[in-house]
Amino acid sequence: MLEKFETVRTTLTLPADLIKRSQHFVDEGFIPSRNALIIAALEQYLIELERQEIDRQFEALADDEAYQTMNEQLAESFAESDWDTLVENEVE
């Protein structure tokens, strides 16, 4: 079943080299259309940008004293159960 989603028509100006390179994959049947290629490429690029944004947010936590304190408290509160689990798994 094909996923239905809202679309918006837009116009792109692309370098001629990209058009030529993408046409090969359309002609060979690797992708159904240049439009499908652009959608897939944009989706992958946005996923990467979002991943980088999340990484930047985590990097900011490295200097956040309140977060570091909370993280240490959590680690300490689970230390005993973590150790017990480690020991149990080594015995099995």
PDB file of N, CA and C in Angstrom:
ATOM      1  N   MET A   1       0.839  -1.174   0.000  1.00  0.00           N
ATOM      2  CA  MET A   1       0.000   0.000   0.000  1.00  0.00           C
ATOM      3  C   MET A   1       0.890   1.245   0.000  1.00  0.00           C
ATOM      4  N   LEU A   2       0.628   2.147  -0.889  1.00  0.00           N
ATOM      5  CA  LEU A   2       1.408   3.373  -0.973  1.00  0.00           C
ATOM      6  C   LEU A   2       0.988   4.350   0.104  1.00  0.00           C
ATOM      7  N   GLU A   3       1.974   4.980   0.688  1.00  0.00           N
ATOM      8  CA  GLU A   3       1.708   5.964   1.727  1.00  0.00           C
ATOM      9  C   GLU A   3       1.212   7.251   1.068  1.00  0.00           C
ATOM     10  N   LYS A   4       0.143   7.776   1.568  1.00  0.00           N
ATOM     11  CA  LYS A   4      -0.412   9.038   1.049  1.00  0.00           C
ATOM     12  C   LYS A   4       0.127  10.176   1.890  1.00  0.00           C
ATOM     13  N   PHE A   5       0.557  11.229   1.234  1.00  0.00           N
ATOM     14  CA  PHE A   5       1.004  12.402   1.953  1.00  0.00           C
ATOM     15  C   PHE A   5       0.718  13.628   1.113  1.00  0.00           C
ATOM     16  N   GLU A   6       0.567  14.737   1.780  1.00  0.00           N
ATOM     17  CA  GLU A   6       0.288  15.996   1.091  1.00  0.00           C
ATOM     18  C   GLU A   6       1.523  16.424   0.312  1.00  0.00           C
ATOM     19  N   THR A   7       1.311  16.899  -0.894  1.00  0.00           N
ATOM     20  CA  THR A   7       2.425  17.373  -1.703  1.00  0.00           C
ATOM     21  C   THR A   7       2.226  18.833  -2.060  1.00  0.00           C
ATOM     22  N   VAL A   8       3.328  19.477  -2.370  1.00  0.00           N
ATOM     23  CA  VAL A   8       3.320  20.871  -2.810  1.00  0.00           C
ATOM     24  C   VAL A   8       4.203  20.943  -4.052  1.00  0.00           C
ATOM     25  N   ARG A   9       3.663  21.477  -5.123  1.00  0.00           N
ATOM     26  CA  ARG A   9       4.449  21.614  -6.346  1.00  0.00           C
ATOM     27  C   ARG A   9       5.407  22.783  -6.186  1.00  0.00           C
ATOM     28  N   THR A  10       6.657  22.560  -6.578  1.00  0.00           N
ATOM     29  CA  THR A  10       7.671  23.609  -6.498  1.00  0.00           C
ATOM     30  C   THR A  10       8.578  23.490  -7.723  1.00  0.00           C
ATOM     31  N   THR A  11       9.350  24.499  -7.962  1.00  0.00           N
ATOM     32  CA  THR A  11      10.269  24.498  -9.089  1.00  0.00           C
ATOM     33  C   THR A  11      11.687  24.561  -8.561  1.00  0.00           C
ATOM     34  N   LEU A  12      12.550  23.729  -9.131  1.00  0.00           N
ATOM     35  CA  LEU A  12      13.949  23.707  -8.737  1.00  0.00           C
ATOM     36  C   LEU A  12      14.813  24.046  -9.943  1.00  0.00           C
ATOM     37  N   THR A  13      15.875  24.723  -9.677  1.00  0.00           N
ATOM     38  CA  THR A  13      16.895  24.928 -10.692  1.00  0.00           C
ATOM     39  C   THR A  13      18.101  24.123 -10.254  1.00  0.00           C
ATOM     40  N   LEU A  14      18.458  23.119 -11.060  1.00  0.00           N
ATOM     41  CA  LEU A  14      19.534  22.205 -10.693  1.00  0.00           C
ATOM     42  C   LEU A  14      20.691  22.340 -11.673  1.00  0.00           C
ATOM     43  N   PRO A  15      21.896  22.089 -11.197  1.00  0.00           N
ATOM     44  CA  PRO A  15      23.041  22.088 -12.102  1.00  0.00           C
ATOM     45  C   PRO A  15      22.868  21.014 -13.189  1.00  0.00           C
ATOM     46  N   ALA A  16      23.281  21.334 -14.392  1.00  0.00           N
ATOM     47  CA  ALA A  16      23.133  20.408 -15.533  1.00  0.00           C
ATOM     48  C   ALA A  16      23.803  19.066 -15.243  1.00  0.00           C
ATOM     49  N   ASP A  17      24.937  19.084 -14.578  1.00  0.00           N
ATOM     50  CA  ASP A  17      25.646  17.845 -14.265  1.00  0.00           C
ATOM     51  C   ASP A  17      24.797  16.921 -13.388  1.00  0.00           C
ATOM     52  N   LEU A  18      24.075  17.489 -12.425  1.00  0.00           N
ATOM     53  CA  LEU A  18      23.214  16.660 -11.577  1.00  0.00           C
ATOM     54  C   LEU A  18      22.078  16.052 -12.387  1.00  0.00           C
ATOM     55  N   ILE A  19      21.540  16.807 -13.327  1.00  0.00           N
ATOM     56  CA  ILE A  19      20.472  16.287 -14.171  1.00  0.00           C
ATOM     57  C   ILE A  19      20.995  15.107 -14.986  1.00  0.00           C
ATOM     58  N   LYS A  20      22.163  15.266 -15.595  1.00  0.00           N
ATOM     59  CA  LYS A  20      22.744  14.189 -16.407  1.00  0.00           C
ATOM     60  C   LYS A  20      23.031  12.958 -15.551  1.00  0.00           C
ATOM     61  N   ARG A  21      23.633  13.171 -14.405  1.00  0.00           N
ATOM     62  CA  ARG A  21      23.973  12.045 -13.531  1.00  0.00           C
ATOM     63  C   ARG A  21      22.727  11.331 -13.024  1.00  0.00           C
ATOM     64  N   SER A  22      21.700  12.075 -12.691  1.00  0.00           N
ATOM     65  CA  SER A  22      20.482  11.447 -12.180  1.00  0.00           C
ATOM     66  C   SER A  22      19.716  10.734 -13.286  1.00  0.00           C
ATOM     67  N   GLN A  23      19.775  11.245 -14.514  1.00  0.00           N
ATOM     68  CA  GLN A  23      19.031  10.639 -15.613  1.00  0.00           C
ATOM     69  C   GLN A  23      19.473   9.199 -15.860  1.00  0.00           C
ATOM     70  N   HIS A  24      20.739   8.923 -15.675  1.00  0.00           N
ATOM     71  CA  HIS A  24      21.249   7.556 -15.832  1.00  0.00           C
ATOM     72  C   HIS A  24      20.466   6.579 -14.948  1.00  0.00           C
ATOM     73  N   PHE A  25      20.241   6.957 -13.698  1.00  0.00           N
ATOM     74  CA  PHE A  25      19.566   6.070 -12.756  1.00  0.00           C
ATOM     75  C   PHE A  25      18.073   5.948 -13.050  1.00  0.00           C
ATOM     76  N   VAL A  26      17.491   6.999 -13.606  1.00  0.00           N
ATOM     77  CA  VAL A  26      16.095   6.931 -14.039  1.00  0.00           C
ATOM     78  C   VAL A  26      16.005   6.006 -15.253  1.00  0.00           C
ATOM     79  N   ASP A  27      16.881   6.210 -16.239  1.00  0.00           N
ATOM     80  CA  ASP A  27      16.863   5.403 -17.463  1.00  0.00           C
ATOM     81  C   ASP A  27      17.106   3.926 -17.187  1.00  0.00           C
ATOM     82  N   GLU A  28      17.971   3.627 -16.224  1.00  0.00           N
ATOM     83  CA  GLU A  28      18.284   2.233 -15.887  1.00  0.00           C
ATOM     84  C   GLU A  28      17.248   1.602 -14.972  1.00  0.00           C
ATOM     85  N   GLY A  29      16.278   2.370 -14.512  1.00  0.00           N
ATOM     86  CA  GLY A  29      15.205   1.841 -13.674  1.00  0.00           C
ATOM     87  C   GLY A  29      15.558   1.697 -12.204  1.00  0.00           C
ATOM     88  N   PHE A  30      16.678   2.285 -11.781  1.00  0.00           N
ATOM     89  CA  PHE A  30      17.044   2.221 -10.362  1.00  0.00           C
ATOM     90  C   PHE A  30      16.095   3.057  -9.507  1.00  0.00           C
ATOM     91  N   ILE A  31      15.584   4.104 -10.102  1.00  0.00           N
ATOM     92  CA  ILE A  31      14.600   4.959  -9.438  1.00  0.00           C
ATOM     93  C   ILE A  31      13.477   5.245 -10.426  1.00  0.00           C
ATOM     94  N   PRO A  32      12.251   5.422  -9.934  1.00  0.00           N
ATOM     95  CA  PRO A  32      11.131   5.606 -10.862  1.00  0.00           C
ATOM     96  C   PRO A  32      11.136   6.962 -11.577  1.00  0.00           C
ATOM     97  N   SER A  33      11.709   7.984 -10.934  1.00  0.00           N
ATOM     98  CA  SER A  33      11.688   9.320 -11.535  1.00  0.00           C
ATOM     99  C   SER A  33      12.711  10.202 -10.838  1.00  0.00           C
ATOM    100  N   ARG A  34      13.047  11.287 -11.493  1.00  0.00           N
ATOM    101  CA  ARG A  34      13.952  12.244 -10.859  1.00  0.00           C
ATOM    102  C   ARG A  34      13.285  12.834  -9.614  1.00  0.00           C
ATOM    103  N   ASN A  35      11.990  13.011  -9.676  1.00  0.00           N
ATOM    104  CA  ASN A  35      11.260  13.528  -8.523  1.00  0.00           C
ATOM    105  C   ASN A  35      11.448  12.606  -7.306  1.00  0.00           C
ATOM    106  N   ALA A  36      11.347  11.280  -7.545  1.00  0.00           N
ATOM    107  CA  ALA A  36      11.534  10.326  -6.450  1.00  0.00           C
ATOM    108  C   ALA A  36      12.951  10.409  -5.900  1.00  0.00           C
ATOM    109  N   LEU A  37      13.924  10.592  -6.784  1.00  0.00           N
ATOM    110  CA  LEU A  37      15.312  10.726  -6.347  1.00  0.00           C
ATOM    111  C   LEU A  37      15.491  11.973  -5.481  1.00  0.00           C
ATOM    112  N   ILE A  38      14.919  13.076  -5.912  1.00  0.00           N
ATOM    113  CA  ILE A  38      15.051  14.325  -5.159  1.00  0.00           C
ATOM    114  C   ILE A  38      14.385  14.198  -3.791  1.00  0.00           C
ATOM    115  N   ILE A  39      13.225  13.564  -3.749  1.00  0.00           N
ATOM    116  CA  ILE A  39      12.535  13.358  -2.466  1.00  0.00           C
ATOM    117  C   ILE A  39      13.397  12.507  -1.531  1.00  0.00           C
ATOM    118  N   ALA A  40      13.929  11.398  -2.051  1.00  0.00           N
ATOM    119  CA  ALA A  40      14.747  10.505  -1.222  1.00  0.00           C
ATOM    120  C   ALA A  40      16.018  11.203  -0.749  1.00  0.00           C
ATOM    121  N   ALA A  41      16.658  11.945  -1.657  1.00  0.00           N
ATOM    122  CA  ALA A  41      17.900  12.641  -1.297  1.00  0.00           C
ATOM    123  C   ALA A  41      17.629  13.725  -0.260  1.00  0.00           C
ATOM    124  N   LEU A  42      16.566  14.474  -0.436  1.00  0.00           N
ATOM    125  CA  LEU A  42      16.229  15.529   0.518  1.00  0.00           C
ATOM    126  C   LEU A  42      15.887  14.936   1.877  1.00  0.00           C
ATOM    127  N   GLU A  43      15.160  13.826   1.875  1.00  0.00           N
ATOM    128  CA  GLU A  43      14.812  13.154   3.137  1.00  0.00           C
ATOM    129  C   GLU A  43      16.072  12.720   3.873  1.00  0.00           C
ATOM    130  N   GLN A  44      17.014  12.097   3.168  1.00  0.00           N
ATOM    131  CA  GLN A  44      18.255  11.649   3.789  1.00  0.00           C
ATOM    132  C   GLN A  44      19.077  12.832   4.300  1.00  0.00           C
ATOM    133  N   TYR A  45      19.125  13.898   3.522  1.00  0.00           N
ATOM    134  CA  TYR A  45      19.880  15.080   3.926  1.00  0.00           C
ATOM    135  C   TYR A  45      19.271  15.703   5.184  1.00  0.00           C
ATOM    136  N   LEU A  46      17.940  15.776   5.239  1.00  0.00           N
ATOM    137  CA  LEU A  46      17.282  16.341   6.417  1.00  0.00           C
ATOM    138  C   LEU A  46      17.487  15.454   7.646  1.00  0.00           C
ATOM    139  N   ILE A  47      17.477  14.140   7.458  1.00  0.00           N
ATOM    140  CA  ILE A  47      17.749  13.228   8.572  1.00  0.00           C
ATOM    141  C   ILE A  47      19.146  13.494   9.123  1.00  0.00           C
ATOM    142  N   GLU A  48      20.114  13.674   8.240  1.00  0.00           N
ATOM    143  CA  GLU A  48      21.484  13.954   8.676  1.00  0.00           C
ATOM    144  C   GLU A  48      21.571  15.298   9.399  1.00  0.00           C
ATOM    145  N   LEU A  49      20.912  16.317   8.876  1.00  0.00           N
ATOM    146  CA  LEU A  49      20.922  17.628   9.545  1.00  0.00           C
ATOM    147  C   LEU A  49      20.278  17.546  10.922  1.00  0.00           C
ATOM    148  N   GLU A  50      19.168  16.808  11.028  1.00  0.00           N
ATOM    149  CA  GLU A  50      18.495  16.647  12.324  1.00  0.00           C
ATOM    150  C   GLU A  50      19.384  15.893  13.300  1.00  0.00           C
ATOM    151  N   ARG A  51      20.103  14.878  12.810  1.00  0.00           N
ATOM    152  CA  ARG A  51      21.029  14.124  13.654  1.00  0.00           C
ATOM    153  C   ARG A  51      22.141  15.047  14.169  1.00  0.00           C
ATOM    154  N   GLN A  52      22.666  15.891  13.280  1.00  0.00           N
ATOM    155  CA  GLN A  52      23.701  16.837  13.683  1.00  0.00           C
ATOM    156  C   GLN A  52      23.167  17.835  14.715  1.00  0.00           C
ATOM    157  N   GLU A  53      21.917  18.252  14.553  1.00  0.00           N
ATOM    158  CA  GLU A  53      21.317  19.180  15.515  1.00  0.00           C
ATOM    159  C   GLU A  53      21.191  18.529  16.892  1.00  0.00           C
ATOM    160  N   ILE A  54      20.777  17.273  16.925  1.00  0.00           N
ATOM    161  CA  ILE A  54      20.680  16.540  18.196  1.00  0.00           C
ATOM    162  C   ILE A  54      22.061  16.413  18.825  1.00  0.00           C
ATOM    163  N   ASP A  55      23.074  16.105  18.012  1.00  0.00           N
ATOM    164  CA  ASP A  55      24.440  16.004  18.524  1.00  0.00           C
ATOM    165  C   ASP A  55      24.898  17.328  19.131  1.00  0.00           C
ATOM    166  N   ARG A  56      24.569  18.442  18.476  1.00  0.00           N
ATOM    167  CA  ARG A  56      24.948  19.759  19.014  1.00  0.00           C
ATOM    168  C   ARG A  56      24.269  20.014  20.357  1.00  0.00           C
ATOM    169  N   GLN A  57      23.029  19.580  20.482  1.00  0.00           N
ATOM    170  CA  GLN A  57      22.317  19.766  21.745  1.00  0.00           C
ATOM    171  C   GLN A  57      22.951  18.925  22.855  1.00  0.00           C
ATOM    172  N   PHE A  58      23.358  17.695  22.534  1.00  0.00           N
ATOM    173  CA  PHE A  58      24.025  16.863  23.528  1.00  0.00           C
ATOM    174  C   PHE A  58      25.392  17.438  23.896  1.00  0.00           C
ATOM    175  N   GLU A  59      26.095  17.995  22.914  1.00  0.00           N
ATOM    176  CA  GLU A  59      27.391  18.616  23.197  1.00  0.00           C
ATOM    177  C   GLU A  59      27.240  19.757  24.197  1.00  0.00           C
ATOM    178  N   ALA A  60      26.140  20.491  24.088  1.00  0.00           N
ATOM    179  CA  ALA A  60      25.896  21.598  25.016  1.00  0.00           C
ATOM    180  C   ALA A  60      25.721  21.085  26.444  1.00  0.00           C
ATOM    181  N   LEU A  61      25.220  19.857  26.589  1.00  0.00           N
ATOM    182  CA  LEU A  61      25.027  19.289  27.928  1.00  0.00           C
ATOM    183  C   LEU A  61      26.348  18.992  28.616  1.00  0.00           C
ATOM    184  N   ALA A  62      27.412  18.866  27.850  1.00  0.00           N
ATOM    185  CA  ALA A  62      28.721  18.577  28.440  1.00  0.00           C
ATOM    186  C   ALA A  62      29.167  19.686  29.387  1.00  0.00           C
ATOM    187  N   ASP A  63      28.693  20.898  29.157  1.00  0.00           N
ATOM    188  CA  ASP A  63      29.054  22.034  30.010  1.00  0.00           C
ATOM    189  C   ASP A  63      27.946  22.430  30.984  1.00  0.00           C
ATOM    190  N   ASP A  64      26.866  21.666  31.009  1.00  0.00           N
ATOM    191  CA  ASP A  64      25.721  21.976  31.855  1.00  0.00           C
ATOM    192  C   ASP A  64      25.911  21.284  33.209  1.00  0.00           C
ATOM    193  N   GLU A  65      26.246  22.069  34.226  1.00  0.00           N
ATOM    194  CA  GLU A  65      26.539  21.505  35.553  1.00  0.00           C
ATOM    195  C   GLU A  65      25.342  20.794  36.166  1.00  0.00           C
ATOM    196  N   ALA A  66      24.145  21.344  35.990  1.00  0.00           N
ATOM    197  CA  ALA A  66      22.950  20.712  36.545  1.00  0.00           C
ATOM    198  C   ALA A  66      22.721  19.344  35.915  1.00  0.00           C
ATOM    199  N   TYR A  67      22.910  19.269  34.608  1.00  0.00           N
ATOM    200  CA  TYR A  67      22.762  17.978  33.911  1.00  0.00           C
ATOM    201  C   TYR A  67      23.818  16.991  34.389  1.00  0.00           C
ATOM    202  N   GLN A  68      25.058  17.452  34.532  1.00  0.00           N
ATOM    203  CA  GLN A  68      26.135  16.569  34.975  1.00  0.00           C
ATOM    204  C   GLN A  68      25.859  16.025  36.368  1.00  0.00           C
ATOM    205  N   THR A  69      25.369  16.881  37.249  1.00  0.00           N
ATOM    206  CA  THR A  69      25.042  16.459  38.610  1.00  0.00           C
ATOM    207  C   THR A  69      23.931  15.417  38.595  1.00  0.00           C
ATOM    208  N   MET A  70      22.882  15.680  37.828  1.00  0.00           N
ATOM    209  CA  MET A  70      21.770  14.740  37.737  1.00  0.00           C
ATOM    210  C   MET A  70      22.251  13.408  37.149  1.00  0.00           C
ATOM    211  N   ASN A  71      23.085  13.466  36.137  1.00  0.00           N
ATOM    212  CA  ASN A  71      23.602  12.260  35.504  1.00  0.00           C
ATOM    213  C   ASN A  71      24.419  11.432  36.494  1.00  0.00           C
ATOM    214  N   GLU A  72      25.249  12.086  37.294  1.00  0.00           N
ATOM    215  CA  GLU A  72      26.044  11.384  38.303  1.00  0.00           C
ATOM    216  C   GLU A  72      25.152  10.747  39.358  1.00  0.00           C
ATOM    217  N   GLN A  73      24.109  11.459  39.779  1.00  0.00           N
ATOM    218  CA  GLN A  73      23.187  10.914  40.768  1.00  0.00           C
ATOM    219  C   GLN A  73      22.466   9.683  40.233  1.00  0.00           C
ATOM    220  N   LEU A  74      22.049   9.749  38.980  1.00  0.00           N
ATOM    221  CA  LEU A  74      21.393   8.588  38.365  1.00  0.00           C
ATOM    222  C   LEU A  74      22.344   7.403  38.288  1.00  0.00           C
ATOM    223  N   ALA A  75      23.561   7.659  37.860  1.00  0.00           N
ATOM    224  CA  ALA A  75      24.552   6.586  37.751  1.00  0.00           C
ATOM    225  C   ALA A  75      24.794   5.945  39.112  1.00  0.00           C
ATOM    226  N   GLU A  76      24.907   6.762  40.145  1.00  0.00           N
ATOM    227  CA  GLU A  76      25.128   6.245  41.494  1.00  0.00           C
ATOM    228  C   GLU A  76      23.930   5.436  41.978  1.00  0.00           C
ATOM    229  N   SER A  77      22.725   5.892  41.670  1.00  0.00           N
ATOM    230  CA  SER A  77      21.538   5.187  42.151  1.00  0.00           C
ATOM    231  C   SER A  77      21.367   3.828  41.479  1.00  0.00           C
ATOM    232  N   PHE A  78      21.915   3.656  40.281  1.00  0.00           N
ATOM    233  CA  PHE A  78      21.810   2.380  39.580  1.00  0.00           C
ATOM    234  C   PHE A  78      23.093   1.549  39.663  1.00  0.00           C
ATOM    235  N   ALA A  79      24.107   2.043  40.320  1.00  0.00           N
ATOM    236  CA  ALA A  79      25.400   1.357  40.351  1.00  0.00           C
ATOM    237  C   ALA A  79      25.287  -0.060  40.903  1.00  0.00           C
ATOM    238  N   GLU A  80      24.575  -0.226  41.993  1.00  0.00           N
ATOM    239  CA  GLU A  80      24.472  -1.547  42.609  1.00  0.00           C
ATOM    240  C   GLU A  80      23.723  -2.521  41.711  1.00  0.00           C
ATOM    241  N   SER A  81      22.595  -2.102  41.148  1.00  0.00           N
ATOM    242  CA  SER A  81      21.849  -3.013  40.269  1.00  0.00           C
ATOM    243  C   SER A  81      22.620  -3.285  38.974  1.00  0.00           C
ATOM    244  N   ASP A  82      23.361  -2.290  38.486  1.00  0.00           N
ATOM    245  CA  ASP A  82      24.199  -2.515  37.303  1.00  0.00           C
ATOM    246  C   ASP A  82      25.257  -3.572  37.596  1.00  0.00           C
ATOM    247  N   TRP A  83      25.879  -3.468  38.767  1.00  0.00           N
ATOM    248  CA  TRP A  83      26.915  -4.432  39.155  1.00  0.00           C
ATOM    249  C   TRP A  83      26.313  -5.828  39.289  1.00  0.00           C
ATOM    250  N   ASP A  84      25.143  -5.917  39.946  1.00  0.00           N
ATOM    251  CA  ASP A  84      24.484  -7.211  40.108  1.00  0.00           C
ATOM    252  C   ASP A  84      24.177  -7.845  38.762  1.00  0.00           C
ATOM    253  N   THR A  85      23.695  -7.066  37.825  1.00  0.00           N
ATOM    254  CA  THR A  85      23.380  -7.570  36.486  1.00  0.00           C
ATOM    255  C   THR A  85      24.636  -8.044  35.776  1.00  0.00           C
ATOM    256  N   LEU A  86      25.709  -7.297  35.890  1.00  0.00           N
ATOM    257  CA  LEU A  86      26.979  -7.686  35.278  1.00  0.00           C
ATOM    258  C   LEU A  86      27.455  -9.014  35.833  1.00  0.00           C
ATOM    259  N   VAL A  87      27.406  -9.156  37.154  1.00  0.00           N
ATOM    260  CA  VAL A  87      27.851 -10.390  37.796  1.00  0.00           C
ATOM    261  C   VAL A  87      26.969 -11.556  37.371  1.00  0.00           C
ATOM    262  N   GLU A  88      25.669 -11.372  37.313  1.00  0.00           N
ATOM    263  CA  GLU A  88      24.752 -12.432  36.909  1.00  0.00           C
ATOM    264  C   GLU A  88      25.041 -12.894  35.490  1.00  0.00           C
ATOM    265  N   ASN A  89      25.305 -11.956  34.599  1.00  0.00           N
ATOM    266  CA  ASN A  89      25.551 -12.303  33.199  1.00  0.00           C
ATOM    267  C   ASN A  89      26.892 -12.992  32.997  1.00  0.00           C
ATOM    268  N   GLU A  90      27.860 -12.722  33.846  1.00  0.00           N
ATOM    269  CA  GLU A  90      29.150 -13.388  33.749  1.00  0.00           C
ATOM    270  C   GLU A  90      29.051 -14.830  34.201  1.00  0.00           C
ATOM    271  N   VAL A  91      28.161 -15.113  35.143  1.00  0.00           N
ATOM    272  CA  VAL A  91      27.997 -16.468  35.678  1.00  0.00           C
ATOM    273  C   VAL A  91      27.304 -17.353  34.648  1.00  0.00           C
ATOM    274  N   GLU A  92      26.387 -16.831  33.900  1.00  0.00           N
ATOM    275  CA  GLU A  92      25.592 -17.627  32.946  1.00  0.00           C
ATOM    276  C   GLU A  92      26.395 -18.068  31.822  1.00  0.00           C
TER     277      GLU A  92
END
